[in-house]
Amino acid sequence: MAEQKVIISDFSGAVATTSEKKDIANSARFVKGMNPFEDPAYITLSRKATKKSSTTVATLPHWMEDGSPSNTDRYVYDSGGKIYTVNSSDAFTLSRTVSGGGGEGLGIYSNRLLYAQATELGSYFPLDSSPSFVDDFASWWIASQLTITGGGTGSTDYSTTTAINEGATHRQTFTATYDPVKNIIIDVDVVGSGDWTVTLHNTNNDSLGTKTIVNGSMSTGDVTFTLASVGRTKPGESYHFHVTTTVADGGVDTNVNSDLEGAEFTATYGTLLDATFHPIVSHLNLSVIGNLNYLATFDDATYNPNKIQFPKGFEVRAMAKTDEFVVAEAFKGSTLREAEAAKRFYWDGISPTFNYST
């Protein structure tokens, strides 16, 4: 067959937006392999990607960050929780397999690589000189920033009861600093013969979380009750917890005679709320981290997991910077594909709330 030329005078088509067959002249959607962005005067073929990682990269990369100015490396975090280092010659090296990690988020701030897990924030530091990995936030930063303490010792023990009693002497109240509460530590003076349970309540006495430790695993001194599921709290609001035992012969140290309100305790807040993605960007003097319906911030002095709050039900999926704003793209629904709503929240890094949304 003789060679024939096909003259293209109109490239409208692909998946149309205004009708089933024909779209706006010289427009198209979802055109594969074409690049209309290089120059507005013409359309050309997209550049072909070339594989660089050989067999080193095991699963889908979610994030890549440039290590400059600290070093000349790049860092990749994949869906299997593996972090790779890419040197200036494009050679890939597996640097870390994060236990429980799934490529939730990656960012660089102040000579430090931050990598998110579902509920934790890890650090690779210092990037400019023999860095080391630490996966747990409380092990590389000031753990006390995510705790609240109260009560004391020295008075007659609070005697445990077998059922929750909402009386004033049978509760320990506190005002939540952050969301959520991960665990509660109490000072046990007498173990007794029963199993122990700590229950977290709101002001309506609704149960927000509970943990039971069997008698054989109990001891005197500080005992940590890690809630079976984190207790969702609202910063600035009042909450309380109860201590019960299956046999009423336990004793809790307190500084008010026979009163749980004076019991020595520490409540620990979660580093991050459980989410599939925690995107990370640097803005002004902050590292900004998507944290479900919050923006968390870290500034090399203070970590705040709930710096900016978005309406309940929204989950931050992606973030970018534009002009003077961090833009958090969030969806509402059980999954991104089944989202019932989506919003872009703009924050300037200074205002105590987000500036506006679209």
Protein backbone atom coordinates (compact mmCIF):
# COMPACT_ATOMS: atom_id res chain seq x y z
CA MET A 1 0.00 0.00 0.00
CA ALA A 2 1.29 3.43 -0.87
CA GLU A 3 2.21 5.73 1.98
CA GLN A 4 -0.56 8.16 2.81
CA LYS A 5 -0.45 11.38 4.80
CA VAL A 6 -3.13 12.22 7.35
CA ILE A 7 -3.55 15.95 7.86
CA ILE A 8 -4.68 16.78 11.41
CA SER A 9 -6.43 20.13 11.54
CA ASP A 10 -8.27 19.71 14.85
CA PHE A 11 -7.14 17.58 17.79
CA SER A 12 -10.38 17.93 19.79
CA GLY A 13 -11.59 14.72 21.33
CA ALA A 14 -10.48 12.17 23.88
CA VAL A 15 -12.87 12.22 26.86
CA ALA A 16 -15.09 15.21 26.16
CA THR A 17 -16.45 17.57 28.83
CA THR A 18 -19.37 19.29 27.10
CA SER A 19 -20.96 16.51 25.05
CA GLU A 20 -20.62 12.84 24.24
CA LYS A 21 -18.95 13.25 20.85
CA LYS A 22 -17.41 16.69 20.40
CA ASP A 23 -15.72 19.06 22.80
CA ILE A 24 -14.52 22.64 22.60
CA ALA A 25 -12.38 23.17 19.49
CA ASN A 26 -8.71 22.26 19.94
CA SER A 27 -9.23 20.82 23.41
CA ALA A 28 -9.01 17.32 24.80
CA ARG A 29 -8.88 15.43 28.09
CA PHE A 30 -6.90 12.38 29.21
CA VAL A 31 -4.76 12.32 26.07
CA LYS A 32 -2.10 9.65 26.57
CA GLY A 33 1.49 10.28 25.55
CA MET A 34 0.98 13.91 24.52
CA ASN A 35 2.54 17.01 26.08
CA PRO A 36 0.60 20.28 25.61
CA PHE A 37 2.53 22.13 28.33
CA GLU A 38 6.03 22.57 26.89
CA ASP A 39 4.94 25.39 24.58
CA PRO A 40 1.39 26.76 24.17
CA ALA A 41 1.98 27.14 20.41
CA TYR A 42 2.12 23.40 19.72
CA ILE A 43 1.57 19.92 21.11
CA THR A 44 4.30 17.29 21.17
CA LEU A 45 4.99 13.80 22.47
CA SER A 46 5.58 13.30 26.18
CA ARG A 47 9.07 12.35 27.24
CA LYS A 48 9.66 8.66 27.81
CA ALA A 49 10.54 7.68 31.38
CA THR A 50 13.71 5.66 31.90
CA LYS A 51 14.03 3.20 34.76
CA LYS A 52 16.93 4.04 37.08
CA SER A 53 16.37 1.88 40.16
CA SER A 54 17.14 -1.58 38.74
CA THR A 55 15.55 -4.10 41.16
CA THR A 56 16.27 -2.10 44.33
CA VAL A 57 12.88 -0.38 44.60
CA ALA A 58 10.42 -3.03 45.76
CA THR A 59 7.02 -1.30 45.71
CA LEU A 60 5.37 1.90 44.47
CA PRO A 61 7.26 5.08 45.46
CA HIS A 62 4.95 7.61 47.10
CA TRP A 63 7.35 10.48 47.78
CA MET A 64 10.75 11.82 46.71
CA GLU A 65 12.62 14.64 48.47
CA ASP A 66 15.80 16.51 47.58
CA GLY A 67 18.40 16.59 50.38
CA SER A 68 19.92 19.94 49.36
CA PRO A 69 21.40 22.08 50.82
CA SER A 70 22.38 19.46 53.43
CA ASN A 71 23.70 16.98 50.85
CA THR A 72 23.39 15.97 47.18
CA ASP A 73 21.20 12.92 47.81
CA ARG A 74 17.50 12.38 47.20
CA TYR A 75 15.22 10.24 49.34
CA VAL A 76 12.34 8.00 48.28
CA TYR A 77 9.63 6.47 50.52
CA ASP A 78 7.56 3.66 49.03
CA SER A 79 4.27 1.93 49.84
CA GLY A 80 6.11 -0.93 51.53
CA GLY A 81 7.69 1.35 54.13
CA LYS A 82 11.13 1.32 52.51
CA ILE A 83 13.26 4.47 52.36
CA TYR A 84 15.86 4.67 49.59
CA THR A 85 18.80 7.01 49.13
CA VAL A 86 19.51 8.15 45.55
CA ASN A 87 22.97 9.61 45.06
CA SER A 88 24.07 12.17 42.48
CA SER A 89 24.80 9.36 40.01
CA ASP A 90 21.20 8.08 40.27
CA ALA A 91 22.26 4.94 42.15
CA PHE A 92 19.55 3.63 44.50
CA THR A 93 20.35 2.20 47.95
CA LEU A 94 17.86 0.76 50.44
CA SER A 95 18.52 2.77 53.61
CA ARG A 96 15.65 1.81 55.91
CA THR A 97 12.64 -0.48 56.18
CA VAL A 98 10.24 1.27 58.53
CA SER A 99 8.33 -1.25 60.65
CA GLY A 100 4.63 -0.65 59.99
CA GLY A 101 5.37 2.12 57.50
CA GLY A 102 3.49 2.44 54.23
CA GLY A 103 4.84 5.58 52.57
CA GLU A 104 2.49 7.86 54.50
CA GLY A 105 4.56 11.03 54.16
CA LEU A 106 8.07 12.39 53.59
CA GLY A 107 9.61 15.83 53.94
CA ILE A 108 12.83 17.67 54.72
CA TYR A 109 13.10 20.37 57.35
CA SER A 110 16.12 21.93 59.04
CA ASN A 111 18.71 19.29 58.10
CA ARG A 112 16.27 16.50 59.01
CA LEU A 113 14.33 13.98 56.93
CA LEU A 114 10.87 13.48 58.44
CA TYR A 115 8.94 10.36 57.50
CA ALA A 116 5.41 9.57 58.63
CA GLN A 117 3.86 6.26 59.55
CA ALA A 118 0.15 5.78 60.21
CA THR A 119 0.38 7.21 63.75
CA GLU A 120 4.07 8.05 64.19
CA LEU A 121 6.69 10.48 62.89
CA GLY A 122 10.26 9.34 62.30
CA SER A 123 13.50 11.28 61.85
CA TYR A 124 16.71 10.84 59.85
CA PHE A 125 19.17 13.37 61.26
CA PRO A 126 21.56 15.17 60.71
CA LEU A 127 21.54 14.94 56.92
CA ASP A 128 24.87 16.72 56.52
CA SER A 129 26.85 14.40 58.81
CA SER A 130 26.33 10.67 59.55
CA PRO A 131 22.54 10.70 60.03
CA SER A 132 20.66 7.96 61.88
CA PHE A 133 17.07 6.73 61.72
CA VAL A 134 14.68 6.87 64.69
CA ASP A 135 11.12 5.79 63.88
CA ASP A 136 9.35 6.82 67.11
CA PHE A 137 8.80 10.55 67.74
CA ALA A 138 9.19 10.31 71.52
CA SER A 139 12.62 8.72 71.03
CA TRP A 140 14.08 11.57 68.96
CA TRP A 141 12.27 14.63 70.31
CA ILE A 142 11.05 15.92 73.68
CA ALA A 143 8.51 13.32 74.78
CA SER A 144 7.06 15.60 77.49
CA GLN A 145 5.65 17.92 74.80
CA LEU A 146 2.98 15.28 74.19
CA THR A 147 2.07 14.61 77.82
CA ILE A 148 -0.02 16.14 80.58
CA THR A 149 0.56 15.35 84.26
CA GLY A 150 -1.30 15.90 87.51
CA GLY A 151 -1.91 14.75 91.06
CA GLY A 152 0.71 13.40 93.42
CA THR A 153 1.43 11.01 96.27
CA GLY A 154 1.64 11.03 100.06
CA SER A 155 -1.95 10.65 101.21
CA THR A 156 -4.24 7.70 101.93
CA ASP A 157 -4.63 5.55 98.82
CA TYR A 158 -7.66 5.77 96.59
CA SER A 159 -9.36 2.38 96.96
CA THR A 160 -10.54 0.95 93.67
CA THR A 161 -14.16 -0.03 93.04
CA THR A 162 -15.53 -2.82 90.87
CA ALA A 163 -17.76 -0.52 88.80
CA ILE A 164 -17.47 3.02 87.46
CA ASN A 165 -18.72 5.60 89.95
CA GLU A 166 -19.25 9.13 88.61
CA GLY A 167 -18.92 10.66 92.07
CA ALA A 168 -16.42 13.50 92.51
CA THR A 169 -13.89 11.37 94.43
CA HIS A 170 -13.92 8.56 91.87
CA ARG A 171 -12.60 10.44 88.85
CA GLN A 172 -9.44 12.23 87.77
CA THR A 173 -10.19 15.24 85.56
CA PHE A 174 -7.92 17.08 83.14
CA THR A 175 -8.18 19.54 80.27
CA ALA A 176 -7.01 18.07 76.98
CA THR A 177 -4.08 19.78 75.32
CA TYR A 178 -4.12 17.73 72.13
CA ASP A 179 -6.05 15.05 70.23
CA PRO A 180 -5.94 12.06 70.76
CA VAL A 181 -5.07 10.46 74.14
CA LYS A 182 -2.93 7.38 73.53
CA ASN A 183 -2.28 6.11 77.04
CA ILE A 184 -2.74 6.94 80.73
CA ILE A 185 -0.12 6.18 83.39
CA ILE A 186 -1.12 5.82 87.05
CA ASP A 187 0.92 5.15 90.19
CA VAL A 188 -0.25 1.84 91.66
CA ASP A 189 0.41 1.39 95.39
CA VAL A 190 -1.49 -1.86 96.04
CA VAL A 191 -2.03 -4.38 93.22
CA GLY A 192 -4.62 -6.49 95.04
CA SER A 193 -6.08 -9.62 93.48
CA GLY A 194 -8.17 -8.32 90.56
CA ASP A 195 -7.70 -7.21 86.97
CA TRP A 196 -7.33 -3.44 86.45
CA THR A 197 -9.16 -1.20 83.97
CA VAL A 198 -8.73 2.47 83.12
CA THR A 199 -11.62 4.14 81.25
CA LEU A 200 -11.52 7.59 79.61
CA HIS A 201 -14.74 9.66 79.62
CA ASN A 202 -15.92 13.00 78.27
CA THR A 203 -18.12 15.38 80.28
CA ASN A 204 -21.17 13.43 79.13
CA ASN A 205 -19.62 10.29 80.68
CA ASP A 206 -19.33 8.63 77.27
CA SER A 207 -16.53 6.09 77.04
CA LEU A 208 -13.77 7.27 74.67
CA GLY A 209 -11.29 4.50 75.34
CA THR A 210 -10.47 1.73 77.77
CA LYS A 211 -7.68 -0.67 78.68
CA THR A 212 -7.66 -3.71 80.96
CA ILE A 213 -4.50 -5.31 82.37
CA VAL A 214 -4.84 -8.73 83.98
CA ASN A 215 -3.71 -9.08 87.57
CA GLY A 216 -0.69 -11.21 86.73
CA SER A 217 0.72 -8.43 84.55
CA MET A 218 0.21 -5.69 87.15
CA SER A 219 2.90 -4.27 89.43
CA THR A 220 3.32 -1.44 91.89
CA GLY A 221 4.68 1.89 90.69
CA ASP A 222 3.92 3.58 87.39
CA VAL A 223 1.78 1.39 85.12
CA THR A 224 0.93 2.38 81.54
CA PHE A 225 -2.59 1.70 80.26
CA THR A 226 -2.44 2.01 76.47
CA LEU A 227 -6.00 2.48 75.25
CA ALA A 228 -7.26 -0.25 72.93
CA SER A 229 -8.26 2.51 70.51
CA VAL A 230 -7.07 6.08 70.98
CA GLY A 231 -9.42 8.44 72.81
CA ARG A 232 -10.43 11.26 70.46
CA THR A 233 -10.37 14.49 72.43
CA LYS A 234 -10.91 18.16 71.63
CA PRO A 235 -8.12 20.48 72.77
CA GLY A 236 -9.30 22.79 75.55
CA GLU A 237 -12.20 20.62 76.70
CA SER A 238 -12.50 18.69 79.98
CA TYR A 239 -12.16 14.91 80.30
CA HIS A 240 -11.76 12.44 83.13
CA PHE A 241 -10.79 8.84 83.73
CA HIS A 242 -11.80 6.10 86.16
CA VAL A 243 -9.81 3.23 87.66
CA THR A 244 -11.70 0.02 88.45
CA THR A 245 -10.69 -3.51 89.44
CA THR A 246 -12.56 -6.81 89.33
CA VAL A 247 -11.89 -7.16 93.07
CA ALA A 248 -12.17 -4.04 95.24
CA ASP A 249 -8.78 -4.34 96.90
CA GLY A 250 -6.47 -2.19 94.77
CA GLY A 251 -4.86 1.08 95.83
CA VAL A 252 -3.79 4.13 93.78
CA ASP A 253 -1.31 6.74 95.05
CA THR A 254 -2.88 10.17 95.53
CA ASN A 255 -2.19 13.48 97.27
CA VAL A 256 -5.79 13.82 98.50
CA ASN A 257 -6.97 11.23 101.04
CA SER A 258 -9.05 8.47 99.38
CA ASP A 259 -9.69 10.71 96.34
CA LEU A 260 -8.84 9.73 92.76
CA GLU A 261 -8.92 13.42 91.82
CA GLY A 262 -5.54 13.77 93.51
CA ALA A 263 -4.04 10.66 91.92
CA GLU A 264 -0.65 10.99 90.28
CA PHE A 265 -1.05 10.45 86.53
CA THR A 266 0.39 11.15 83.10
CA ALA A 267 -1.68 11.16 79.91
CA THR A 268 0.22 10.77 76.64
CA TYR A 269 -1.13 12.16 73.38
CA GLY A 270 -0.69 10.47 70.01
CA THR A 271 1.93 11.81 67.62
CA LEU A 272 -0.36 11.50 64.59
CA LEU A 273 -3.93 10.39 64.06
CA ASP A 274 -4.29 7.18 62.07
CA ALA A 275 -4.38 8.05 58.36
CA THR A 276 -3.20 6.58 55.06
CA PHE A 277 -1.31 9.74 54.13
CA HIS A 278 0.44 12.47 56.12
CA PRO A 279 1.86 14.84 53.47
CA ILE A 280 4.71 17.10 54.63
CA VAL A 281 5.83 20.53 53.36
CA SER A 282 8.12 23.26 54.70
CA HIS A 283 6.67 26.75 55.03
CA LEU A 284 8.20 29.82 56.65
CA ASN A 285 10.01 28.43 59.72
CA LEU A 286 7.75 25.38 60.01
CA SER A 287 7.42 21.82 58.88
CA VAL A 288 3.70 21.36 58.21
CA ILE A 289 2.27 17.84 58.36
CA GLY A 290 -1.18 16.67 57.31
CA ASN A 291 -2.79 14.94 60.30
CA LEU A 292 -6.27 13.70 59.37
CA ASN A 293 -8.45 16.82 59.91
CA TYR A 294 -5.57 18.84 61.37
CA LEU A 295 -2.29 20.37 60.30
CA ALA A 296 0.55 19.46 62.65
CA THR A 297 3.60 21.73 62.91
CA PHE A 298 7.21 21.30 63.99
CA ASP A 299 9.67 24.20 64.28
CA ASP A 300 12.76 22.70 65.96
CA ALA A 301 11.41 23.90 69.30
CA THR A 302 7.81 22.69 69.61
CA TYR A 303 5.69 19.99 68.03
CA ASN A 304 1.95 20.64 67.83
CA PRO A 305 -0.12 17.80 66.32
CA ASN A 306 -3.28 19.93 66.16
CA LYS A 307 -2.06 23.40 65.16
CA ILE A 308 -4.80 24.02 62.57
CA GLN A 309 -8.16 22.26 62.65
CA PHE A 310 -10.40 21.57 59.68
CA PRO A 311 -14.09 20.56 59.86
CA LYS A 312 -14.64 17.12 61.33
CA GLY A 313 -14.79 14.35 58.76
CA PHE A 314 -12.22 15.82 56.38
CA GLU A 315 -8.87 14.12 55.83
CA VAL A 316 -5.80 15.83 54.37
CA ARG A 317 -4.60 13.92 51.30
CA ALA A 318 -2.13 16.30 49.64
CA MET A 319 -0.40 19.61 50.32
CA ALA A 320 1.42 22.22 48.28
CA LYS A 321 2.61 25.81 48.60
CA THR A 322 1.27 28.69 46.56
CA ASP A 323 2.21 32.32 47.14
CA GLU A 324 2.12 32.88 50.91
CA PHE A 325 -0.09 29.88 51.67
CA VAL A 326 0.13 26.21 52.44
CA VAL A 327 -2.73 24.57 50.55
CA ALA A 328 -4.15 21.40 52.10
CA GLU A 329 -6.36 19.34 49.82
CA ALA A 330 -8.80 17.29 51.88
CA PHE A 331 -11.66 14.93 51.21
CA LYS A 332 -14.66 13.82 53.25
CA GLY A 333 -15.75 10.20 53.08
CA SER A 334 -14.65 6.66 53.81
CA THR A 335 -12.12 6.67 50.94
CA LEU A 336 -10.80 9.16 48.40
CA ARG A 337 -12.60 7.36 45.56
CA GLU A 338 -15.90 7.48 47.47
CA ALA A 339 -15.53 11.06 48.71
CA GLU A 340 -18.75 12.96 49.28
CA ALA A 341 -16.98 16.33 49.42
CA ALA A 342 -13.56 17.88 48.81
CA LYS A 343 -12.03 21.20 49.83
CA ARG A 344 -8.83 23.17 49.55
CA PHE A 345 -7.84 24.85 52.81
CA TYR A 346 -5.43 27.80 52.69
CA TRP A 347 -3.21 28.68 55.66
CA ASP A 348 -0.55 31.39 55.80
CA GLY A 349 1.46 29.75 58.59
CA ILE A 350 0.66 32.60 60.99
CA SER A 351 -3.10 32.75 61.56
CA PRO A 352 -4.48 30.63 64.47
CA THR A 353 -7.02 29.14 62.03
CA PHE A 354 -6.99 28.41 58.31
CA ASN A 355 -7.46 31.61 56.29
CA TYR A 356 -10.09 30.39 53.83
CA SER A 357 -11.21 27.37 51.82
CA THR A 358 -12.50 26.70 48.33
